[in-house]
Amino acid sequence: MAKAQLPPLGVKVSGDIEHRPGGPNPHRARVRWFDPRSGRRLSRSEMLPTPEAAEDWIKRMRRLAARGVTPDTATMTLAEYGAEDSEVWPLAMRGLEAKTLDPYRAGWRLRVVPTLGHIAVAGVTNGIVDRAVHSWIADGHSRSTVKNSLAVLVRVMEQAVRDGLIDVNPARVVGWQQQYKQAEDELDDPRSLALRNWADLQRLSSALVARSAGEYIGWGDAVEFSACTAARIGEVSGVRVRDIDTDSWLWTVCRQTTPGPGGLIDKGTKGKRRRVAPIIPEIRPILSRRITAVGRRPDARIFTGPRGGRITTAVLRDATHWDAVVLSLGYEFLRRHDLRHTGLTWMADAGVPLHVLRKIAGHGSLTTTQRYLHPDLRAVERAGQSLSGFLGASPGAADPSGPTVVPRQAASGHLRSVP
């Protein structure tokens, strides 16, 4: 593993730009310098979209070199820079007790590196960290797990500030606890995160399959099933053959796959609430094919990875290059959990009654379900509430315990009481 060793100040760097047509980033920016320790001439290069971007990259390498940071160190990925066998790790972790260091180390290995390790240290932004934290929350990790993972990232990035690689620590995000609560209760505006229609879902499904190793169709099956049943990915992973009634085409949602001590485990659904979800005709062929493939064994998992392993949001993301695919399709807002938002939004727009939608979603609060209603329907609902409040505050308002008094113009012009 590369070491993040800083040379003496004043390393001289030369640079050049070469145009190499044929790709999205046709301009190669290259810098060269002499390693003050070995005396060898070293080089680093980067492919960039425009000459201006290439020139800016070279200027940045020169600026860092003047501060004692070689291009070798400046271009390190986060995984390389913060590796536990590097000189950075003990500096970043200094002052921690052993009982604190262990969960930090686990957070680094199991969450930070798999999520952000491939990104250059200088390429880590506030937005990237925000999305990483949300992905950990969506994966079902506890608050303490998310806290420790973010804390170790903060320490490594703080060392990068001290080393001069970056000017501001992008991992110092605030409000993630509120984000955690929103993820538990669903988001404030889940409709904005939903795919528009069936065609968009199929386009996403096909693109994810195309990017996966061996073009494994199971990834697309899981995505379509999740969206059309408004289910979480962990619940999709947990479904067994016996949970599906192919006569009535109903799914009894009773378990989910989630990270646990020692690896993935199966447990009850969120809130321990069993529920029933309809299976629409569009996805019945998927289920029939997959049930047949597992020999119709009652305990067999219907949705698995290509080697039979259990699926999580992180597994789906990595196996299908989710982030790159959704960006290329113009769905950069879309996370795996938003497949559930898609299904609930579609059901609400299709006219599914609110109390039924709540049962399908498994929501504990009707307020959470109401967020999926179309804004026009919400406006009508608020209008009714306003009218009710107005009548309740009006002089002579009805007494619920007594007869209702309805103003009605009689033939004589007098008001009369109607029991």
Protein backbone atom coordinates (compact mmCIF):
# COMPACT_ATOMS: atom_id res chain seq x y z
CA MET A 1 0.00 0.00 0.00
CA ALA A 2 1.28 3.43 -0.93
CA LYS A 3 2.61 5.58 1.88
CA ALA A 4 1.49 9.17 2.33
CA GLN A 5 5.02 10.49 2.95
CA LEU A 6 5.53 14.22 2.52
CA PRO A 7 8.82 15.37 0.96
CA PRO A 8 10.71 18.54 1.79
CA LEU A 9 9.10 21.78 0.67
CA GLY A 10 9.77 23.16 -2.78
CA VAL A 11 9.45 20.11 -5.06
CA LYS A 12 9.66 21.35 -8.66
CA VAL A 13 6.97 20.01 -11.01
CA SER A 14 6.84 20.28 -14.79
CA GLY A 15 3.68 19.66 -16.79
CA ASP A 16 2.37 19.14 -20.30
CA ILE A 17 -1.00 18.54 -22.01
CA GLU A 18 -1.59 16.08 -24.84
CA HIS A 19 -4.76 15.78 -26.91
CA ARG A 20 -5.89 12.17 -27.40
CA PRO A 21 -9.20 12.15 -29.34
CA GLY A 22 -11.68 9.32 -29.16
CA GLY A 23 -13.00 9.47 -25.62
CA PRO A 24 -15.10 11.68 -23.32
CA ASN A 25 -11.90 12.96 -21.64
CA PRO A 26 -9.49 13.46 -24.53
CA HIS A 27 -6.97 15.78 -22.84
CA ARG A 28 -4.18 14.12 -20.90
CA ALA A 29 -2.59 16.33 -18.27
CA ARG A 30 0.79 15.02 -17.07
CA VAL A 31 3.19 16.23 -14.41
CA ARG A 32 6.76 15.10 -13.72
CA TRP A 33 9.06 15.63 -10.77
CA PHE A 34 12.16 14.23 -9.09
CA ASP A 35 11.55 12.24 -5.93
CA PRO A 36 13.81 13.95 -3.34
CA ARG A 37 14.32 10.66 -1.50
CA SER A 38 15.11 8.22 -4.32
CA GLY A 39 16.28 10.73 -6.92
CA ARG A 40 14.08 9.02 -9.53
CA ARG A 41 12.02 10.96 -12.05
CA LEU A 42 8.32 10.21 -11.46
CA SER A 43 5.14 11.18 -13.27
CA ARG A 44 1.39 11.24 -12.83
CA SER A 45 -1.33 11.92 -15.39
CA GLU A 46 -5.08 12.53 -15.56
CA MET A 47 -7.53 12.40 -18.49
CA LEU A 48 -9.79 15.48 -18.52
CA PRO A 49 -12.58 16.80 -20.79
CA THR A 50 -11.16 20.23 -21.75
CA PRO A 51 -7.75 21.94 -22.11
CA GLU A 52 -8.80 24.37 -19.37
CA ALA A 53 -9.52 21.54 -16.95
CA ALA A 54 -6.17 19.95 -17.79
CA GLU A 55 -4.36 23.22 -17.17
CA ASP A 56 -6.16 23.71 -13.85
CA TRP A 57 -5.12 20.20 -12.78
CA ILE A 58 -1.46 20.91 -13.54
CA LYS A 59 -1.65 24.22 -11.65
CA ARG A 60 -3.09 22.42 -8.66
CA MET A 61 -0.31 19.81 -8.69
CA ARG A 62 2.28 22.61 -8.81
CA ARG A 63 0.59 24.51 -6.00
CA LEU A 64 0.54 21.43 -3.78
CA ALA A 65 4.13 20.56 -4.65
CA ALA A 66 5.21 24.03 -3.52
CA ARG A 67 3.67 23.19 -0.15
CA GLY A 68 5.52 19.89 0.04
CA VAL A 69 2.83 17.55 -1.31
CA THR A 70 4.03 15.52 -4.30
CA PRO A 71 1.59 14.64 -7.12
CA ASP A 72 2.00 11.05 -5.99
CA THR A 73 0.36 11.92 -2.68
CA ALA A 74 -2.03 14.50 -4.12
CA THR A 75 -3.61 11.93 -6.47
CA MET A 76 -4.05 9.19 -3.87
CA THR A 77 -7.46 7.65 -3.44
CA LEU A 78 -9.08 7.88 -0.04
CA ALA A 79 -8.46 4.15 0.53
CA GLU A 80 -4.75 4.54 -0.19
CA TYR A 81 -4.33 7.71 1.82
CA GLY A 82 -6.05 6.45 4.97
CA ALA A 83 -4.86 2.84 4.80
CA GLU A 84 -4.19 1.33 8.20
CA ASP A 85 -0.59 0.55 7.23
CA SER A 86 0.09 4.10 6.05
CA GLU A 87 1.65 6.92 8.07
CA VAL A 88 -1.65 8.79 7.95
CA TRP A 89 -3.71 6.32 10.00
CA PRO A 90 -1.88 6.64 13.35
CA LEU A 91 -1.74 10.43 12.93
CA ALA A 92 -5.46 10.63 12.22
CA MET A 93 -6.37 8.28 15.07
CA ARG A 94 -4.05 9.68 17.72
CA GLY A 95 -5.60 10.21 21.12
CA LEU A 96 -8.30 7.56 20.72
CA GLU A 97 -8.80 4.83 23.29
CA ALA A 98 -8.73 1.22 22.13
CA LYS A 99 -12.43 0.75 22.84
CA THR A 100 -13.18 3.65 20.47
CA LEU A 101 -10.60 2.70 17.85
CA ASP A 102 -12.16 -0.73 17.21
CA PRO A 103 -15.56 0.56 15.99
CA TYR A 104 -13.79 3.33 14.03
CA ARG A 105 -11.65 0.72 12.30
CA ALA A 106 -14.76 -1.33 11.48
CA GLY A 107 -16.48 1.77 10.08
CA TRP A 108 -13.48 2.50 7.88
CA ARG A 109 -13.17 -1.03 6.52
CA LEU A 110 -16.85 -1.91 6.13
CA ARG A 111 -18.41 1.38 5.10
CA VAL A 112 -16.03 4.23 4.25
CA VAL A 113 -13.67 2.30 1.97
CA PRO A 114 -16.37 0.36 0.07
CA THR A 115 -18.40 3.54 -0.44
CA LEU A 116 -15.76 6.25 -0.96
CA GLY A 117 -12.39 4.51 -1.12
CA HIS A 118 -12.07 4.74 -4.91
CA ILE A 119 -12.39 8.55 -4.91
CA ALA A 120 -9.31 10.79 -4.82
CA VAL A 121 -8.95 12.60 -1.50
CA ALA A 122 -9.33 15.96 -3.21
CA GLY A 123 -12.45 14.70 -5.02
CA VAL A 124 -14.43 14.03 -1.82
CA THR A 125 -17.09 16.73 -1.51
CA ASN A 126 -19.84 17.60 0.96
CA GLY A 127 -22.40 16.20 -1.47
CA ILE A 128 -20.54 12.91 -1.84
CA VAL A 129 -20.32 12.53 1.94
CA ASP A 130 -24.04 13.36 2.30
CA ARG A 131 -24.96 10.62 -0.17
CA ALA A 132 -22.64 8.15 1.53
CA VAL A 133 -24.23 8.79 4.92
CA HIS A 134 -27.70 8.40 3.46
CA SER A 135 -26.71 5.12 1.82
CA TRP A 136 -25.52 3.79 5.20
CA ILE A 137 -28.82 4.83 6.75
CA ALA A 138 -30.79 3.22 3.90
CA ASP A 139 -28.77 0.02 4.36
CA GLY A 140 -30.30 -0.24 7.83
CA HIS A 141 -27.22 0.51 9.93
CA SER A 142 -27.79 1.76 13.47
CA ARG A 143 -27.22 5.34 14.55
CA SER A 144 -24.04 4.39 16.42
CA THR A 145 -22.68 2.58 13.35
CA VAL A 146 -23.33 5.58 11.12
CA LYS A 147 -21.84 7.89 13.75
CA ASN A 148 -18.62 5.86 14.03
CA SER A 149 -18.26 5.57 10.25
CA LEU A 150 -18.65 9.32 9.81
CA ALA A 151 -16.32 10.06 12.73
CA VAL A 152 -13.43 8.04 11.29
CA LEU A 153 -13.93 9.72 7.91
CA VAL A 154 -13.82 13.13 9.61
CA ARG A 155 -10.49 12.26 11.25
CA VAL A 156 -8.84 11.04 8.04
CA MET A 157 -10.04 14.07 6.08
CA GLU A 158 -8.87 16.36 8.89
CA GLN A 159 -5.40 14.89 8.47
CA ALA A 160 -5.67 15.64 4.75
CA VAL A 161 -6.32 19.28 5.67
CA ARG A 162 -3.22 19.31 7.88
CA ASP A 163 -1.18 17.71 5.10
CA GLY A 164 -2.30 20.41 2.68
CA LEU A 165 -4.17 18.12 0.27
CA ILE A 166 -7.46 19.96 0.81
CA ASP A 167 -8.44 23.28 2.34
CA VAL A 168 -11.70 22.34 4.08
CA ASN A 169 -12.86 19.09 5.63
CA PRO A 170 -15.92 17.99 3.59
CA ALA A 171 -16.84 15.26 6.07
CA ARG A 172 -17.96 17.70 8.74
CA VAL A 173 -21.61 17.38 7.79
CA VAL A 174 -24.38 18.44 10.13
CA GLY A 175 -27.97 17.33 10.49
CA TRP A 176 -27.42 13.68 9.62
CA GLN A 177 -29.36 12.67 12.73
CA GLN A 178 -32.39 14.43 11.29
CA GLN A 179 -31.73 12.69 8.00
CA TYR A 180 -31.73 9.42 9.90
CA LYS A 181 -35.15 10.24 11.38
CA GLN A 182 -36.51 11.20 7.97
CA ALA A 183 -35.27 7.93 6.49
CA GLU A 184 -37.08 6.06 9.27
CA ASP A 185 -40.33 7.99 8.83
CA GLU A 186 -39.95 8.29 5.03
CA LEU A 187 -38.89 11.59 3.50
CA ASP A 188 -40.76 14.89 3.61
CA ASP A 189 -41.45 14.84 -0.15
CA PRO A 190 -41.09 11.25 -1.35
CA ARG A 191 -43.00 11.96 -4.57
CA SER A 192 -40.08 14.01 -5.88
CA LEU A 193 -37.86 10.91 -5.68
CA ALA A 194 -40.14 8.59 -7.67
CA LEU A 195 -39.64 7.42 -11.25
CA ARG A 196 -42.27 8.83 -13.58
CA ASN A 197 -43.71 5.71 -15.17
CA TRP A 198 -43.33 2.05 -16.14
CA ALA A 199 -41.15 2.90 -19.15
CA ASP A 200 -38.63 4.69 -16.91
CA LEU A 201 -38.52 1.70 -14.57
CA GLN A 202 -37.84 -0.72 -17.44
CA ARG A 203 -35.17 1.61 -18.82
CA LEU A 204 -33.45 1.64 -15.43
CA SER A 205 -33.78 -2.13 -15.03
CA SER A 206 -32.27 -2.85 -18.44
CA ALA A 207 -29.39 -0.43 -17.92
CA LEU A 208 -28.49 -1.95 -14.55
CA VAL A 209 -28.49 -5.46 -16.01
CA ALA A 210 -26.32 -4.31 -18.92
CA ARG A 211 -23.70 -2.87 -16.55
CA SER A 212 -23.54 -5.91 -14.27
CA ALA A 213 -21.04 -8.73 -14.59
CA GLY A 214 -22.46 -11.34 -16.95
CA GLU A 215 -25.53 -9.13 -17.49
CA TYR A 216 -27.34 -10.92 -14.67
CA ILE A 217 -31.09 -10.47 -15.22
CA GLY A 218 -31.81 -11.03 -11.53
CA TRP A 219 -30.77 -7.47 -10.72
CA GLY A 220 -33.44 -6.11 -13.04
CA ASP A 221 -36.03 -8.52 -11.64
CA ALA A 222 -35.35 -7.35 -8.09
CA VAL A 223 -35.54 -3.67 -9.07
CA GLU A 224 -38.86 -4.06 -10.91
CA PHE A 225 -40.36 -6.15 -8.10
CA SER A 226 -39.27 -3.60 -5.48
CA ALA A 227 -40.83 -0.66 -7.34
CA CYS A 228 -44.09 -2.41 -8.21
CA THR A 229 -44.69 -3.70 -4.67
CA ALA A 230 -43.38 -0.58 -2.87
CA ALA A 231 -40.94 -2.78 -0.95
CA ARG A 232 -37.52 -2.16 0.51
CA ILE A 233 -34.57 -4.00 -1.08
CA GLY A 234 -34.02 -5.91 2.16
CA GLU A 235 -37.63 -7.12 2.00
CA VAL A 236 -37.17 -8.19 -1.60
CA SER A 237 -34.12 -10.19 -0.54
CA GLY A 238 -36.10 -11.82 2.26
CA VAL A 239 -39.06 -13.06 0.20
CA ARG A 240 -39.46 -16.86 0.01
CA VAL A 241 -41.61 -18.97 -2.31
CA ARG A 242 -44.11 -19.68 0.47
CA ASP A 243 -44.73 -15.95 0.93
CA ILE A 244 -46.29 -15.64 -2.55
CA ASP A 245 -49.89 -16.69 -3.17
CA THR A 246 -49.99 -17.28 -6.93
CA ASP A 247 -53.77 -17.83 -6.88
CA SER A 248 -54.66 -14.41 -5.53
CA TRP A 249 -51.27 -12.89 -6.47
CA LEU A 250 -50.62 -11.45 -3.04
CA TRP A 251 -47.31 -11.25 -1.18
CA THR A 252 -47.19 -11.55 2.60
CA VAL A 253 -44.29 -9.30 3.60
CA CYS A 254 -42.92 -10.77 6.81
CA ARG A 255 -39.10 -10.59 6.79
CA GLN A 256 -36.13 -8.59 5.55
CA THR A 257 -32.41 -9.15 5.05
CA THR A 258 -30.30 -6.70 7.01
CA PRO A 259 -26.69 -6.34 8.24
CA GLY A 260 -26.10 -7.85 11.67
CA PRO A 261 -23.32 -9.11 13.91
CA GLY A 262 -21.15 -11.43 11.84
CA GLY A 263 -22.80 -10.63 8.51
CA LEU A 264 -26.25 -10.53 6.92
CA ILE A 265 -29.24 -11.86 8.85
CA ASP A 266 -32.96 -12.29 8.24
CA LYS A 267 -35.36 -10.71 10.70
CA GLY A 268 -38.87 -9.29 10.87
CA THR A 269 -39.91 -6.30 8.82
CA LYS A 270 -39.44 -2.76 10.04
CA GLY A 271 -41.70 -2.07 13.00
CA LYS A 272 -42.42 -5.82 13.23
CA ARG A 273 -45.52 -5.23 11.06
CA ARG A 274 -46.55 -8.00 8.67
CA ARG A 275 -48.41 -6.69 5.67
CA VAL A 276 -49.82 -7.83 2.34
CA ALA A 277 -48.84 -6.30 -1.01
CA PRO A 278 -50.54 -6.89 -4.39
CA ILE A 279 -48.56 -8.33 -7.29
CA ILE A 280 -49.62 -6.63 -10.51
CA PRO A 281 -49.78 -8.52 -13.86
CA GLU A 282 -46.70 -6.69 -15.19
CA ILE A 283 -44.37 -8.52 -12.77
CA ARG A 284 -46.15 -11.87 -12.45
CA PRO A 285 -44.06 -13.44 -15.26
CA ILE A 286 -40.90 -12.48 -13.31
CA LEU A 287 -42.15 -14.31 -10.22
CA SER A 288 -43.37 -17.35 -12.16
CA ARG A 289 -40.00 -17.70 -13.87
CA ARG A 290 -38.01 -17.32 -10.67
CA ILE A 291 -40.25 -19.64 -8.63
CA THR A 292 -39.85 -22.30 -11.31
CA ALA A 293 -36.07 -21.79 -11.34
CA VAL A 294 -35.81 -22.67 -7.63
CA GLY A 295 -37.95 -25.78 -8.00
CA ARG A 296 -40.94 -24.27 -6.17
CA ARG A 297 -39.32 -25.16 -2.82
CA PRO A 298 -41.30 -23.29 -0.12
CA ASP A 299 -38.21 -22.06 1.75
CA ALA A 300 -36.23 -21.06 -1.35
CA ARG A 301 -35.31 -17.42 -1.82
CA ILE A 302 -36.85 -15.94 -4.93
CA PHE A 303 -34.40 -13.06 -5.43
CA THR A 304 -30.66 -13.66 -5.01
CA GLY A 305 -27.37 -12.57 -6.49
CA PRO A 306 -25.82 -14.48 -9.40
CA ARG A 307 -24.14 -16.90 -6.97
CA GLY A 308 -27.16 -17.35 -4.76
CA GLY A 309 -26.16 -14.77 -2.15
CA ARG A 310 -28.47 -12.43 -0.32
CA ILE A 311 -29.10 -8.93 -1.71
CA THR A 312 -28.65 -5.64 0.11
CA THR A 313 -28.81 -2.08 -1.18
CA ALA A 314 -25.01 -1.96 -1.08
CA VAL A 315 -24.68 -5.24 -3.02
CA LEU A 316 -27.14 -3.99 -5.65
CA ARG A 317 -25.28 -0.68 -5.92
CA ASP A 318 -21.86 -2.24 -6.41
CA ALA A 319 -22.94 -5.10 -8.68
CA THR A 320 -24.83 -2.87 -11.12
CA HIS A 321 -22.69 0.32 -10.93
CA TRP A 322 -25.89 1.99 -9.74
CA ASP A 323 -24.46 5.50 -9.24
CA ALA A 324 -23.00 5.67 -12.76
CA VAL A 325 -26.14 4.19 -14.36
CA VAL A 326 -28.65 6.55 -12.73
CA LEU A 327 -26.43 9.51 -13.59
CA SER A 328 -26.25 8.47 -17.25
CA LEU A 329 -30.05 8.11 -17.40
CA GLY A 330 -30.68 11.51 -15.79
CA TYR A 331 -31.94 9.99 -12.52
CA GLU A 332 -29.07 11.30 -10.40
CA PHE A 333 -31.50 11.77 -7.48
CA LEU A 334 -32.44 8.09 -7.41
CA ARG A 335 -31.28 5.81 -4.60
CA ARG A 336 -32.22 2.18 -4.08
CA HIS A 337 -34.76 3.08 -1.37
CA ASP A 338 -36.50 5.37 -3.86
CA LEU A 339 -37.88 2.30 -5.64
CA ARG A 340 -40.22 2.01 -2.63
CA HIS A 341 -41.16 5.69 -2.98
CA THR A 342 -41.87 5.03 -6.66
CA GLY A 343 -44.32 2.23 -5.92
CA LEU A 344 -46.20 4.13 -3.24
CA THR A 345 -46.42 7.25 -5.42
CA TRP A 346 -47.80 5.25 -8.34
CA MET A 347 -50.40 3.58 -6.10
CA ALA A 348 -51.48 6.94 -4.68
CA ASP A 349 -51.86 8.40 -8.17
CA ALA A 350 -53.80 5.30 -9.27
CA GLY A 351 -56.44 6.12 -6.68
CA VAL A 352 -55.65 3.52 -4.02
CA PRO A 353 -57.57 4.67 -0.91
CA LEU A 354 -55.40 6.20 1.76
CA HIS A 355 -56.18 3.61 4.44
CA VAL A 356 -55.37 0.78 2.00
CA LEU A 357 -52.15 2.46 0.90
CA ARG A 358 -51.12 2.73 4.53
CA LYS A 359 -51.58 -1.02 5.01
CA ILE A 360 -49.58 -1.85 1.88
CA ALA A 361 -46.77 0.48 2.97
CA GLY A 362 -46.76 -0.74 6.55
CA HIS A 363 -46.72 2.81 7.87
CA GLY A 364 -47.36 3.36 11.54
CA SER A 365 -48.68 6.87 10.97
CA LEU A 366 -51.30 8.01 8.46
CA THR A 367 -49.38 11.30 8.16
CA THR A 368 -46.47 9.42 6.59
CA THR A 369 -48.77 7.86 3.99
CA GLN A 370 -50.38 11.21 3.18
CA ARG A 371 -47.06 12.47 1.85
CA TYR A 372 -47.56 10.27 -1.20
CA LEU A 373 -50.82 11.95 -2.20
CA HIS A 374 -50.77 14.21 -5.23
CA PRO A 375 -50.44 17.88 -4.20
CA ASP A 376 -53.85 18.63 -5.77
CA LEU A 377 -55.51 16.04 -3.54
CA ARG A 378 -53.71 17.42 -0.51
CA ALA A 379 -55.00 20.89 -1.37
CA VAL A 380 -58.57 19.57 -1.52
CA GLU A 381 -58.04 17.78 1.78
CA ARG A 382 -56.75 20.99 3.40
CA ALA A 383 -59.73 22.90 1.99
CA GLY A 384 -62.07 20.50 3.76
CA GLN A 385 -60.16 20.88 6.99
CA SER A 386 -60.28 24.67 6.66
CA LEU A 387 -64.03 24.61 6.10
CA SER A 388 -64.54 22.34 9.09
CA GLY A 389 -62.41 24.64 11.25
CA PHE A 390 -64.34 27.69 10.04
CA LEU A 391 -67.72 26.13 10.82
CA GLY A 392 -66.48 25.00 14.23
CA ALA A 393 -65.46 28.53 15.10
CA SER A 394 -68.62 30.19 13.75
CA PRO A 395 -71.32 31.57 16.11
CA GLY A 396 -74.02 29.00 16.66
CA ALA A 397 -71.78 26.12 15.65
CA ALA A 398 -73.31 22.67 15.92
CA ASP A 399 -73.11 20.95 19.26
CA PRO A 400 -72.05 17.34 18.62
CA SER A 401 -74.04 16.23 21.67
CA GLY A 402 -77.29 17.86 20.61
CA PRO A 403 -79.48 18.23 17.51
CA THR A 404 -77.92 19.66 14.37
CA VAL A 405 -79.16 23.13 13.53
CA VAL A 406 -79.25 23.70 9.78
CA PRO A 407 -80.08 27.19 8.56
CA ARG A 408 -82.85 26.70 6.09
CA GLN A 409 -85.22 29.35 4.80
CA ALA A 410 -88.79 28.26 5.51
CA ALA A 411 -91.79 29.45 3.54
CA SER A 412 -92.49 31.99 6.25
CA GLY A 413 -88.93 33.24 6.07
CA HIS A 414 -88.05 31.92 9.54
CA LEU A 415 -85.24 29.51 10.39
CA ARG A 416 -86.30 26.15 11.69
CA SER A 417 -84.49 23.40 13.58
CA VAL A 418 -83.98 20.06 11.86
CA PRO A 419 -83.44 17.09 14.21
